[in-house]
Amino acid sequence: MVSARIVDPDEGPRSKRAAILVAAVERFGEDGYENTKWSEVADRVGIGQTALYHYFESKAHCLLTIMRLELQRSHDMFVEATAGKSEPVEELRAGVRTAFAVTEQEIRQMRILQANMSLLATPRKSKREETERVAARQLVQMVERDWTNLLMRGMSKGAFPVRDAHTLGLAVLGMIVSVWRWYRPSGAIPLPEISDMIEGCVVRMVAE
């Protein structure tokens, strides 16, 4: 498989790319992608709408970039958190914990990702949009493979009952990512408590 990692452009001191991505995450997270006007992102950055097109050719291109970057971040954090863990249950716990060790901006990114996953299913006419879409789809597969491989390692060591590791990995991922559909930082249950609950559920589902 071709690498999903895209080399992002160098950002000089005058570049607005990072600011546009931050503003887009904020606006898409607040009002949803469909309800956000492209001009509103420009207003939040403090630039004219035409300046947006120097960095992103469309609102969809920006969204797909956000989704790809979030998937890459999630994959990288999983790999870092689980590296060197020789005990399968501890590796499993580390994989879950790192999914919830996030900032408010990352929470918005994950909410945007989950709300717009269907966008990855259909090829894009724009070459730049399609490049981002394909990379994001490959990263989805990488994340799924991360969990499948973790579970297979645990099964091979006798720590987890032998089951279909891919299906079980999808179930674990589904439990984790579903949180971002309803969780809000202002809600009644703090994220560390949710993380502990999901971690316990995953361990029982996988190891018992």
N, C-alpha and C. Protein backbone atom coordinates (compact mmCIF):
# COMPACT_ATOMS: atom_id res chain seq x y z
N MET A 1 0.84 -1.21 0.00
CA MET A 1 0.00 0.00 0.00
C MET A 1 0.87 1.25 0.00
N VAL A 2 0.51 2.24 -0.79
CA VAL A 2 1.23 3.50 -0.82
C VAL A 2 1.07 4.21 0.52
N SER A 3 2.16 4.86 0.98
CA SER A 3 2.10 5.55 2.26
C SER A 3 1.00 6.59 2.27
N ALA A 4 0.29 6.67 3.42
CA ALA A 4 -0.79 7.64 3.54
C ALA A 4 -0.28 9.00 3.98
N ARG A 5 0.99 9.08 4.37
CA ARG A 5 1.49 10.35 4.89
C ARG A 5 1.75 11.34 3.76
N ILE A 6 1.14 12.50 3.85
CA ILE A 6 1.33 13.57 2.89
C ILE A 6 2.34 14.55 3.48
N VAL A 7 3.26 15.00 2.66
CA VAL A 7 4.21 16.01 3.12
C VAL A 7 3.52 17.36 3.02
N ASP A 8 3.18 17.93 4.17
CA ASP A 8 2.48 19.21 4.18
C ASP A 8 3.45 20.34 3.84
N PRO A 9 2.95 21.41 3.24
CA PRO A 9 3.83 22.50 2.83
C PRO A 9 4.49 23.18 4.02
N ASP A 10 5.73 23.63 3.79
CA ASP A 10 6.40 24.42 4.83
C ASP A 10 5.63 25.70 5.08
N GLU A 11 5.52 26.05 6.36
CA GLU A 11 4.77 27.24 6.71
C GLU A 11 5.72 28.32 7.20
N GLY A 12 5.88 29.34 6.38
CA GLY A 12 6.72 30.45 6.77
C GLY A 12 6.03 31.33 7.80
N PRO A 13 6.72 32.34 8.28
CA PRO A 13 6.15 33.19 9.33
C PRO A 13 4.89 33.94 8.91
N ARG A 14 4.68 34.10 7.61
CA ARG A 14 3.50 34.83 7.14
C ARG A 14 2.38 33.90 6.68
N SER A 15 2.61 32.61 6.74
CA SER A 15 1.59 31.65 6.29
C SER A 15 0.37 31.68 7.20
N LYS A 16 -0.80 31.58 6.59
CA LYS A 16 -2.06 31.54 7.33
C LYS A 16 -2.65 30.13 7.37
N ARG A 17 -1.93 29.16 6.84
CA ARG A 17 -2.49 27.80 6.73
C ARG A 17 -2.90 27.24 8.09
N ALA A 18 -1.99 27.29 9.06
CA ALA A 18 -2.29 26.75 10.38
C ALA A 18 -3.46 27.49 11.02
N ALA A 19 -3.50 28.80 10.87
CA ALA A 19 -4.59 29.60 11.45
C ALA A 19 -5.91 29.25 10.79
N ILE A 20 -5.89 29.00 9.48
CA ILE A 20 -7.11 28.60 8.77
C ILE A 20 -7.61 27.26 9.29
N LEU A 21 -6.71 26.30 9.48
CA LEU A 21 -7.11 24.99 9.98
C LEU A 21 -7.71 25.09 11.38
N VAL A 22 -7.09 25.90 12.23
CA VAL A 22 -7.62 26.08 13.59
C VAL A 22 -9.01 26.71 13.54
N ALA A 23 -9.15 27.76 12.73
CA ALA A 23 -10.44 28.45 12.63
C ALA A 23 -11.50 27.52 12.04
N ALA A 24 -11.13 26.72 11.06
CA ALA A 24 -12.09 25.80 10.45
C ALA A 24 -12.54 24.75 11.45
N VAL A 25 -11.60 24.23 12.22
CA VAL A 25 -11.96 23.24 13.26
C VAL A 25 -12.94 23.87 14.25
N GLU A 26 -12.67 25.09 14.65
CA GLU A 26 -13.56 25.77 15.59
C GLU A 26 -14.96 25.96 14.99
N ARG A 27 -15.01 26.46 13.76
CA ARG A 27 -16.32 26.73 13.13
C ARG A 27 -17.06 25.43 12.81
N PHE A 28 -16.38 24.45 12.23
CA PHE A 28 -17.04 23.17 11.92
C PHE A 28 -17.47 22.48 13.20
N GLY A 29 -16.67 22.63 14.26
CA GLY A 29 -17.02 22.01 15.53
C GLY A 29 -18.19 22.68 16.21
N GLU A 30 -18.32 23.98 16.04
CA GLU A 30 -19.41 24.73 16.68
C GLU A 30 -20.73 24.54 15.96
N ASP A 31 -20.72 24.72 14.64
CA ASP A 31 -21.96 24.76 13.87
C ASP A 31 -22.13 23.62 12.88
N GLY A 32 -21.09 22.77 12.75
CA GLY A 32 -21.14 21.71 11.76
C GLY A 32 -20.59 22.17 10.42
N TYR A 33 -20.07 21.24 9.67
CA TYR A 33 -19.46 21.56 8.38
C TYR A 33 -20.49 22.18 7.42
N GLU A 34 -21.64 21.56 7.28
CA GLU A 34 -22.63 22.02 6.32
C GLU A 34 -23.16 23.41 6.66
N ASN A 35 -23.23 23.73 7.94
CA ASN A 35 -23.79 25.01 8.37
C ASN A 35 -22.76 26.13 8.46
N THR A 36 -21.52 25.82 8.16
CA THR A 36 -20.46 26.83 8.21
C THR A 36 -20.18 27.35 6.81
N LYS A 37 -20.21 28.67 6.66
CA LYS A 37 -19.85 29.28 5.39
C LYS A 37 -18.34 29.44 5.32
N TRP A 38 -17.79 29.24 4.14
CA TRP A 38 -16.35 29.37 3.93
C TRP A 38 -15.88 30.76 4.31
N SER A 39 -16.72 31.76 4.05
CA SER A 39 -16.36 33.15 4.38
C SER A 39 -16.25 33.35 5.88
N GLU A 40 -16.98 32.56 6.68
CA GLU A 40 -16.91 32.68 8.14
C GLU A 40 -15.56 32.24 8.67
N VAL A 41 -14.96 31.25 8.00
CA VAL A 41 -13.61 30.83 8.38
C VAL A 41 -12.63 31.96 8.11
N ALA A 42 -12.76 32.60 6.94
CA ALA A 42 -11.89 33.73 6.61
C ALA A 42 -12.04 34.85 7.62
N ASP A 43 -13.27 35.14 8.01
CA ASP A 43 -13.52 36.21 8.98
C ASP A 43 -12.84 35.91 10.31
N ARG A 44 -12.87 34.66 10.73
CA ARG A 44 -12.26 34.31 12.02
C ARG A 44 -10.75 34.44 11.96
N VAL A 45 -10.17 34.16 10.80
CA VAL A 45 -8.72 34.30 10.65
C VAL A 45 -8.33 35.77 10.47
N GLY A 46 -9.28 36.55 9.94
CA GLY A 46 -9.00 37.96 9.69
C GLY A 46 -8.39 38.21 8.33
N ILE A 47 -8.81 37.39 7.34
CA ILE A 47 -8.33 37.56 5.98
C ILE A 47 -9.53 37.60 5.04
N GLY A 48 -9.31 38.02 3.81
CA GLY A 48 -10.37 37.99 2.82
C GLY A 48 -10.63 36.57 2.35
N GLN A 49 -11.84 36.32 1.87
CA GLN A 49 -12.19 34.97 1.45
C GLN A 49 -11.31 34.46 0.32
N THR A 50 -10.93 35.35 -0.59
CA THR A 50 -10.10 34.93 -1.72
C THR A 50 -8.74 34.42 -1.24
N ALA A 51 -8.27 34.92 -0.10
CA ALA A 51 -6.97 34.46 0.42
C ALA A 51 -7.01 33.00 0.86
N LEU A 52 -8.19 32.50 1.19
CA LEU A 52 -8.32 31.10 1.58
C LEU A 52 -7.87 30.17 0.46
N TYR A 53 -8.13 30.59 -0.78
CA TYR A 53 -7.87 29.72 -1.92
C TYR A 53 -6.37 29.58 -2.23
N HIS A 54 -5.56 30.38 -1.59
CA HIS A 54 -4.11 30.20 -1.71
C HIS A 54 -3.67 28.93 -0.99
N TYR A 55 -4.46 28.52 0.02
CA TYR A 55 -4.11 27.36 0.85
C TYR A 55 -5.01 26.16 0.60
N PHE A 56 -6.30 26.41 0.38
CA PHE A 56 -7.26 25.33 0.17
C PHE A 56 -8.18 25.73 -0.97
N GLU A 57 -8.39 24.82 -1.91
CA GLU A 57 -9.17 25.19 -3.08
C GLU A 57 -10.67 25.19 -2.82
N SER A 58 -11.09 24.65 -1.67
CA SER A 58 -12.52 24.60 -1.34
C SER A 58 -12.69 24.31 0.14
N LYS A 59 -13.89 24.51 0.62
CA LYS A 59 -14.21 24.14 2.01
C LYS A 59 -14.04 22.65 2.21
N ALA A 60 -14.42 21.85 1.21
CA ALA A 60 -14.27 20.39 1.30
C ALA A 60 -12.81 19.98 1.37
N HIS A 61 -11.96 20.66 0.62
CA HIS A 61 -10.52 20.38 0.67
C HIS A 61 -9.99 20.62 2.07
N CYS A 62 -10.42 21.70 2.70
CA CYS A 62 -10.02 22.01 4.07
C CYS A 62 -10.51 20.93 5.03
N LEU A 63 -11.76 20.53 4.89
CA LEU A 63 -12.34 19.49 5.76
C LEU A 63 -11.56 18.18 5.63
N LEU A 64 -11.30 17.76 4.40
CA LEU A 64 -10.58 16.51 4.19
C LEU A 64 -9.17 16.57 4.77
N THR A 65 -8.56 17.74 4.71
CA THR A 65 -7.24 17.92 5.31
C THR A 65 -7.32 17.76 6.83
N ILE A 66 -8.33 18.36 7.43
CA ILE A 66 -8.53 18.23 8.88
C ILE A 66 -8.72 16.76 9.26
N MET A 67 -9.51 16.06 8.48
CA MET A 67 -9.77 14.64 8.77
C MET A 67 -8.50 13.81 8.63
N ARG A 68 -7.73 14.07 7.58
CA ARG A 68 -6.48 13.33 7.37
C ARG A 68 -5.49 13.61 8.49
N LEU A 69 -5.35 14.87 8.89
CA LEU A 69 -4.43 15.22 9.97
C LEU A 69 -4.84 14.59 11.29
N GLU A 70 -6.13 14.54 11.57
CA GLU A 70 -6.60 13.92 12.81
C GLU A 70 -6.34 12.42 12.81
N LEU A 71 -6.59 11.76 11.70
CA LEU A 71 -6.31 10.33 11.61
C LEU A 71 -4.82 10.05 11.77
N GLN A 72 -3.98 10.89 11.17
CA GLN A 72 -2.53 10.71 11.33
C GLN A 72 -2.12 10.90 12.78
N ARG A 73 -2.68 11.92 13.44
CA ARG A 73 -2.37 12.16 14.85
C ARG A 73 -2.79 10.97 15.70
N SER A 74 -3.98 10.45 15.47
CA SER A 74 -4.47 9.32 16.25
C SER A 74 -3.58 8.09 16.07
N HIS A 75 -3.20 7.82 14.82
CA HIS A 75 -2.31 6.69 14.54
C HIS A 75 -0.96 6.86 15.24
N ASP A 76 -0.37 8.05 15.11
CA ASP A 76 0.95 8.29 15.71
C ASP A 76 0.90 8.16 17.23
N MET A 77 -0.15 8.68 17.85
CA MET A 77 -0.27 8.61 19.31
C MET A 77 -0.46 7.17 19.77
N PHE A 78 -1.22 6.38 19.02
CA PHE A 78 -1.41 4.97 19.36
C PHE A 78 -0.08 4.23 19.31
N VAL A 79 0.66 4.43 18.25
CA VAL A 79 1.95 3.75 18.09
C VAL A 79 2.89 4.13 19.22
N GLU A 80 2.95 5.42 19.56
CA GLU A 80 3.83 5.88 20.63
C GLU A 80 3.41 5.31 21.99
N ALA A 81 2.10 5.30 22.24
CA ALA A 81 1.61 4.85 23.56
C ALA A 81 1.80 3.36 23.78
N THR A 82 1.70 2.57 22.72
CA THR A 82 1.75 1.11 22.87
C THR A 82 3.15 0.54 22.64
N ALA A 83 4.08 1.34 22.15
CA ALA A 83 5.43 0.84 21.87
C ALA A 83 6.10 0.37 23.16
N GLY A 84 6.74 -0.79 23.09
CA GLY A 84 7.51 -1.29 24.22
C GLY A 84 6.69 -1.95 25.31
N LYS A 85 5.37 -2.03 25.12
CA LYS A 85 4.53 -2.69 26.12
C LYS A 85 4.52 -4.19 25.83
N SER A 86 5.15 -4.96 26.72
CA SER A 86 5.24 -6.41 26.48
C SER A 86 4.06 -7.17 27.07
N GLU A 87 3.34 -6.55 28.01
CA GLU A 87 2.22 -7.22 28.66
C GLU A 87 0.94 -6.84 27.89
N PRO A 88 0.22 -7.80 27.30
CA PRO A 88 -0.89 -7.49 26.40
C PRO A 88 -1.99 -6.63 27.01
N VAL A 89 -2.39 -6.89 28.26
CA VAL A 89 -3.46 -6.11 28.86
C VAL A 89 -3.02 -4.66 29.06
N GLU A 90 -1.76 -4.46 29.44
CA GLU A 90 -1.27 -3.10 29.61
C GLU A 90 -1.18 -2.38 28.26
N GLU A 91 -0.80 -3.12 27.21
CA GLU A 91 -0.78 -2.53 25.88
C GLU A 91 -2.19 -2.13 25.45
N LEU A 92 -3.15 -2.98 25.76
CA LEU A 92 -4.55 -2.69 25.45
C LEU A 92 -5.01 -1.45 26.18
N ARG A 93 -4.71 -1.39 27.48
CA ARG A 93 -5.11 -0.22 28.28
C ARG A 93 -4.45 1.06 27.74
N ALA A 94 -3.19 0.96 27.35
CA ALA A 94 -2.48 2.14 26.84
C ALA A 94 -3.12 2.64 25.55
N GLY A 95 -3.54 1.70 24.69
CA GLY A 95 -4.19 2.09 23.45
C GLY A 95 -5.48 2.85 23.68
N VAL A 96 -6.24 2.42 24.68
CA VAL A 96 -7.49 3.11 25.00
C VAL A 96 -7.21 4.47 25.64
N ARG A 97 -6.30 4.48 26.60
CA ARG A 97 -6.02 5.73 27.32
C ARG A 97 -5.57 6.85 26.39
N THR A 98 -4.70 6.50 25.43
CA THR A 98 -4.17 7.55 24.56
C THR A 98 -5.26 8.14 23.67
N ALA A 99 -6.32 7.38 23.41
CA ALA A 99 -7.43 7.89 22.59
C ALA A 99 -8.16 9.02 23.29
N PHE A 100 -8.06 9.06 24.61
CA PHE A 100 -8.79 10.07 25.38
C PHE A 100 -7.86 11.11 26.01
N ALA A 101 -6.56 11.00 25.75
CA ALA A 101 -5.60 11.99 26.26
C ALA A 101 -5.48 13.11 25.24
N VAL A 102 -6.48 13.97 25.20
CA VAL A 102 -6.63 14.93 24.11
C VAL A 102 -6.96 16.33 24.63
N THR A 103 -6.67 17.31 23.80
CA THR A 103 -7.02 18.70 24.09
C THR A 103 -8.43 18.99 23.56
N GLU A 104 -8.96 20.15 23.92
CA GLU A 104 -10.29 20.52 23.41
C GLU A 104 -10.27 20.68 21.90
N GLN A 105 -9.18 21.17 21.34
CA GLN A 105 -9.09 21.30 19.89
C GLN A 105 -9.10 19.92 19.23
N GLU A 106 -8.42 18.96 19.83
CA GLU A 106 -8.41 17.60 19.29
C GLU A 106 -9.77 16.93 19.43
N ILE A 107 -10.49 17.26 20.49
CA ILE A 107 -11.85 16.75 20.64
C ILE A 107 -12.72 17.24 19.48
N ARG A 108 -12.60 18.51 19.14
CA ARG A 108 -13.35 19.06 18.00
C ARG A 108 -12.97 18.34 16.72
N GLN A 109 -11.66 18.11 16.54
CA GLN A 109 -11.20 17.43 15.33
C GLN A 109 -11.80 16.03 15.22
N MET A 110 -11.85 15.32 16.33
CA MET A 110 -12.41 13.96 16.30
C MET A 110 -13.92 14.00 16.08
N ARG A 111 -14.58 14.99 16.63
CA ARG A 111 -16.02 15.12 16.40
C ARG A 111 -16.29 15.41 14.91
N ILE A 112 -15.48 16.27 14.31
CA ILE A 112 -15.61 16.58 12.89
C ILE A 112 -15.34 15.33 12.06
N LEU A 113 -14.30 14.60 12.42
CA LEU A 113 -13.96 13.37 11.69
C LEU A 113 -15.12 12.39 11.71
N GLN A 114 -15.66 12.11 12.88
CA GLN A 114 -16.74 11.12 12.99
C GLN A 114 -18.02 11.59 12.31
N ALA A 115 -18.26 12.89 12.32
CA ALA A 115 -19.49 13.41 11.71
C ALA A 115 -19.43 13.38 10.18
N ASN A 116 -18.21 13.27 9.63
CA ASN A 116 -18.07 13.39 8.18
C ASN A 116 -17.37 12.20 7.52
N MET A 117 -17.37 11.06 8.21
CA MET A 117 -16.70 9.88 7.68
C MET A 117 -17.25 9.44 6.32
N SER A 118 -18.53 9.69 6.09
CA SER A 118 -19.13 9.28 4.82
C SER A 118 -18.48 9.99 3.62
N LEU A 119 -17.85 11.13 3.86
CA LEU A 119 -17.20 11.87 2.79
C LEU A 119 -16.03 11.08 2.18
N LEU A 120 -15.49 10.14 2.95
CA LEU A 120 -14.34 9.37 2.48
C LEU A 120 -14.74 8.26 1.51
N ALA A 121 -16.04 8.00 1.38
CA ALA A 121 -16.50 6.86 0.57
C ALA A 121 -16.54 7.16 -0.92
N THR A 122 -16.66 8.41 -1.28
CA THR A 122 -16.91 8.76 -2.68
C THR A 122 -15.73 9.52 -3.27
N PRO A 123 -15.19 9.07 -4.41
CA PRO A 123 -14.08 9.79 -5.05
C PRO A 123 -14.44 11.24 -5.35
N ARG A 124 -13.43 12.10 -5.28
CA ARG A 124 -13.62 13.52 -5.52
C ARG A 124 -13.12 13.88 -6.92
N LYS A 125 -13.76 14.83 -7.56
CA LYS A 125 -13.34 15.28 -8.89
C LYS A 125 -12.06 16.10 -8.82
N SER A 126 -11.92 16.86 -7.75
CA SER A 126 -10.73 17.68 -7.57
C SER A 126 -9.53 16.79 -7.21
N LYS A 127 -8.40 17.01 -7.87
CA LYS A 127 -7.20 16.21 -7.61
C LYS A 127 -6.71 16.39 -6.18
N ARG A 128 -6.71 17.63 -5.69
CA ARG A 128 -6.21 17.89 -4.33
C ARG A 128 -7.15 17.31 -3.29
N GLU A 129 -8.45 17.41 -3.51
CA GLU A 129 -9.40 16.80 -2.58
C GLU A 129 -9.26 15.28 -2.59
N GLU A 130 -9.08 14.71 -3.77
CA GLU A 130 -8.96 13.26 -3.89
C GLU A 130 -7.68 12.76 -3.22
N THR A 131 -6.61 13.52 -3.32
CA THR A 131 -5.36 13.14 -2.65
C THR A 131 -5.57 13.05 -1.14
N GLU A 132 -6.27 14.02 -0.58
CA GLU A 132 -6.55 14.02 0.86
C GLU A 132 -7.50 12.88 1.23
N ARG A 133 -8.50 12.65 0.39
CA ARG A 133 -9.47 11.59 0.68
C ARG A 133 -8.80 10.22 0.68
N VAL A 134 -7.99 9.95 -0.32
CA VAL A 134 -7.31 8.66 -0.40
C VAL A 134 -6.37 8.46 0.78
N ALA A 135 -5.63 9.51 1.13
CA ALA A 135 -4.73 9.41 2.28
C ALA A 135 -5.50 9.14 3.57
N ALA A 136 -6.63 9.80 3.72
CA ALA A 136 -7.45 9.59 4.92
C ALA A 136 -7.99 8.16 4.98
N ARG A 137 -8.44 7.64 3.84
CA ARG A 137 -8.93 6.25 3.80
C ARG A 137 -7.82 5.26 4.15
N GLN A 138 -6.64 5.50 3.68
CA GLN A 138 -5.51 4.64 4.01
C GLN A 138 -5.20 4.70 5.50
N LEU A 139 -5.33 5.87 6.07
CA LEU A 139 -5.09 6.02 7.51
C LEU A 139 -6.16 5.31 8.33
N VAL A 140 -7.40 5.33 7.86
CA VAL A 140 -8.45 4.56 8.54
C VAL A 140 -8.06 3.09 8.58
N GLN A 141 -7.57 2.59 7.46
CA GLN A 141 -7.14 1.19 7.41
C GLN A 141 -5.95 0.93 8.32
N MET A 142 -5.05 1.90 8.41
CA MET A 142 -3.89 1.76 9.30
C MET A 142 -4.33 1.70 10.76
N VAL A 143 -5.27 2.56 11.13
CA VAL A 143 -5.77 2.57 12.52
C VAL A 143 -6.45 1.24 12.83
N GLU A 144 -7.26 0.75 11.90
CA GLU A 144 -7.90 -0.55 12.10
C GLU A 144 -6.85 -1.66 12.24
N ARG A 145 -5.81 -1.59 11.42
CA ARG A 145 -4.76 -2.59 11.47
C ARG A 145 -3.97 -2.49 12.78
N ASP A 146 -3.77 -1.28 13.29
CA ASP A 146 -3.11 -1.11 14.59
C ASP A 146 -3.81 -1.94 15.67
N TRP A 147 -5.13 -1.82 15.72
CA TRP A 147 -5.90 -2.53 16.74
C TRP A 147 -5.94 -4.03 16.48
N THR A 148 -6.08 -4.41 15.22
CA THR A 148 -6.08 -5.84 14.90
C THR A 148 -4.76 -6.49 15.32
N ASN A 149 -3.65 -5.83 15.02
CA ASN A 149 -2.34 -6.39 15.37
C ASN A 149 -2.13 -6.46 16.88
N LEU A 150 -2.61 -5.44 17.60
CA LEU A 150 -2.50 -5.47 19.06
C LEU A 150 -3.24 -6.69 19.61
N LEU A 151 -4.45 -6.91 19.13
CA LEU A 151 -5.25 -8.02 19.62
C LEU A 151 -4.63 -9.36 19.23
N MET A 152 -4.10 -9.45 18.03
CA MET A 152 -3.45 -10.69 17.60
C MET A 152 -2.23 -11.01 18.46
N ARG A 153 -1.48 -9.99 18.84
CA ARG A 153 -0.33 -10.22 19.72
C ARG A 153 -0.79 -10.78 21.06
N GLY A 154 -1.86 -10.20 21.60
CA GLY A 154 -2.38 -10.68 22.88
C GLY A 154 -2.91 -12.10 22.78
N MET A 155 -3.57 -12.43 21.69
CA MET A 155 -4.09 -13.78 21.49
C MET A 155 -2.96 -14.79 21.35
N SER A 156 -1.90 -14.41 20.63
CA SER A 156 -0.78 -15.32 20.42
C SER A 156 -0.04 -15.63 21.72
N LYS A 157 -0.12 -14.71 22.69
CA LYS A 157 0.53 -14.91 23.98
C LYS A 157 -0.40 -15.59 24.99
N GLY A 158 -1.64 -15.87 24.58
CA GLY A 158 -2.59 -16.51 25.48
C GLY A 158 -3.25 -15.59 26.47
N ALA A 159 -3.04 -14.25 26.28
CA ALA A 159 -3.63 -13.28 27.21
C ALA A 159 -5.08 -13.00 26.89
N PHE A 160 -5.46 -13.13 25.62
CA PHE A 160 -6.83 -12.89 25.19
C PHE A 160 -7.38 -14.16 24.56
N PRO A 161 -8.67 -14.46 24.78
CA PRO A 161 -9.29 -15.59 24.07
C PRO A 161 -9.19 -15.38 22.56
N VAL A 162 -8.97 -16.47 21.83
CA VAL A 162 -8.81 -16.37 20.39
C VAL A 162 -10.17 -16.13 19.73
N ARG A 163 -10.25 -15.03 19.00
CA ARG A 163 -11.45 -14.66 18.26
C ARG A 163 -11.00 -14.07 16.93
N ASP A 164 -11.94 -13.60 16.14
CA ASP A 164 -11.61 -12.89 14.91
C ASP A 164 -11.07 -11.51 15.33
N ALA A 165 -9.75 -11.32 15.21
CA ALA A 165 -9.12 -10.11 15.74
C ALA A 165 -9.57 -8.85 15.00
N HIS A 166 -9.80 -8.96 13.70
CA HIS A 166 -10.22 -7.78 12.94
C HIS A 166 -11.60 -7.31 13.37
N THR A 167 -12.54 -8.25 13.49
CA THR A 167 -13.90 -7.89 13.91
C THR A 167 -13.89 -7.33 15.32
N LEU A 168 -13.12 -7.96 16.20
CA LEU A 168 -13.03 -7.48 17.58
C LEU A 168 -12.40 -6.09 17.62
N GLY A 169 -11.39 -5.87 16.79
CA GLY A 169 -10.77 -4.55 16.74
C GLY A 169 -11.73 -3.47 16.29
N LEU A 170 -12.56 -3.80 15.30
CA LEU A 170 -13.57 -2.84 14.86
C LEU A 170 -14.57 -2.53 15.97
N ALA A 171 -14.91 -3.54 16.76
CA ALA A 171 -15.84 -3.33 17.88
C ALA A 171 -15.22 -2.42 18.93
N VAL A 172 -13.95 -2.63 19.21
CA VAL A 172 -13.24 -1.78 20.18
C VAL A 172 -13.18 -0.34 19.67
N LEU A 173 -12.78 -0.19 18.41
CA LEU A 173 -12.72 1.15 17.82
C LEU A 173 -14.08 1.84 17.83
N GLY A 174 -15.12 1.07 17.51
CA GLY A 174 -16.46 1.63 17.51
C GLY A 174 -16.86 2.17 18.87
N MET A 175 -16.47 1.44 19.92
CA MET A 175 -16.79 1.90 21.27
C MET A 175 -16.06 3.20 21.60
N ILE A 176 -14.81 3.27 21.18
CA ILE A 176 -14.00 4.46 21.49
C ILE A 176 -14.49 5.68 20.72
N VAL A 177 -14.63 5.55 19.40
CA VAL A 177 -14.95 6.73 18.58
C VAL A 177 -16.39 7.20 18.78
N SER A 178 -17.26 6.31 19.25
CA SER A 178 -18.64 6.73 19.47
C SER A 178 -18.75 7.84 20.51
N VAL A 179 -17.76 7.90 21.40
CA VAL A 179 -17.77 8.93 22.45
C VAL A 179 -17.79 10.33 21.83
N TRP A 180 -17.07 10.50 20.73
CA TRP A 180 -16.95 11.84 20.15
C TRP A 180 -18.22 12.32 19.48
N ARG A 181 -19.19 11.44 19.33
CA ARG A 181 -20.48 11.84 18.76
C ARG A 181 -21.35 12.57 19.78
N TRP A 182 -21.12 12.30 21.06
CA TRP A 182 -21.98 12.90 22.08
C TRP A 182 -21.23 13.67 23.17
N TYR A 183 -19.95 13.39 23.37
CA TYR A 183 -19.22 14.04 24.46
C TYR A 183 -19.02 15.53 24.17
N ARG A 184 -19.22 16.34 25.21
CA ARG A 184 -18.90 17.76 25.16
C ARG A 184 -18.13 18.12 26.43
N PRO A 185 -17.08 18.93 26.33
CA PRO A 185 -16.30 19.30 27.53
C PRO A 185 -17.15 19.93 28.63
N SER A 186 -18.26 20.55 28.26
CA SER A 186 -19.13 21.20 29.25
C SER A 186 -20.15 20.23 29.86
N GLY A 187 -20.10 18.98 29.46
CA GLY A 187 -21.06 18.00 29.94
C GLY A 187 -20.86 17.61 31.39
N ALA A 188 -21.78 16.80 31.90
CA ALA A 188 -21.77 16.45 33.33
C ALA A 188 -20.67 15.46 33.69
N ILE A 189 -20.24 14.62 32.74
CA ILE A 189 -19.26 13.59 33.05
C ILE A 189 -17.90 14.01 32.50
N PRO A 190 -16.88 14.12 33.36
CA PRO A 190 -15.55 14.53 32.88
C PRO A 190 -14.92 13.44 32.00
N LEU A 191 -14.08 13.86 31.09
CA LEU A 191 -13.48 12.92 30.14
C LEU A 191 -12.65 11.83 30.82
N PRO A 192 -11.86 12.13 31.88
CA PRO A 192 -11.12 11.04 32.53
C PRO A 192 -12.02 9.93 33.06
N GLU A 193 -13.20 10.30 33.53
CA GLU A 193 -14.15 9.28 34.02
C GLU A 193 -14.67 8.44 32.85
N ILE A 194 -14.95 9.08 31.73
CA ILE A 194 -15.39 8.34 30.54
C ILE A 194 -14.27 7.42 30.06
N SER A 195 -13.05 7.93 30.05
CA SER A 195 -11.90 7.13 29.63
C SER A 195 -11.76 5.87 30.49
N ASP A 196 -11.87 6.02 31.81
CA ASP A 196 -11.77 4.87 32.71
C ASP A 196 -12.88 3.86 32.43
N MET A 197 -14.08 4.35 32.18
CA MET A 197 -15.21 3.46 31.93
C MET A 197 -15.00 2.67 30.63
N ILE A 198 -14.61 3.37 29.57
CA ILE A 198 -14.39 2.71 28.28
C ILE A 198 -13.22 1.73 28.39
N GLU A 199 -12.17 2.12 29.09
CA GLU A 199 -11.02 1.24 29.27
C GLU A 199 -11.45 -0.07 29.95
N GLY A 200 -12.24 0.05 31.00
CA GLY A 200 -12.72 -1.15 31.70
C GLY A 200 -13.58 -2.02 30.81
N CYS A 201 -14.46 -1.38 30.04
CA CYS A 201 -15.33 -2.14 29.13
C CYS A 201 -14.52 -2.89 28.07
N VAL A 202 -13.51 -2.21 27.52
CA VAL A 202 -12.68 -2.83 26.48
C VAL A 202 -11.91 -4.02 27.03
N VAL A 203 -11.33 -3.85 28.21
CA VAL A 203 -10.56 -4.95 28.82
C VAL A 203 -11.47 -6.15 29.07
N ARG A 204 -12.66 -5.90 29.58
CA ARG A 204 -13.58 -7.03 29.82
C ARG A 204 -14.00 -7.70 28.51
N MET A 205 -14.25 -6.88 27.48
CA MET A 205 -14.69 -7.40 26.20
C MET A 205 -13.60 -8.24 25.53
N VAL A 206 -12.35 -7.81 25.68
CA VAL A 206 -11.25 -8.46 24.96
C VAL A 206 -10.61 -9.59 25.75
N ALA A 207 -10.42 -9.38 27.06
CA ALA A 207 -9.59 -10.29 27.84
C ALA A 207 -10.37 -11.36 28.59
N GLU A 208 -11.68 -11.22 28.69
CA GLU A 208 -12.43 -12.20 29.49
C GLU A 208 -13.17 -13.20 28.60
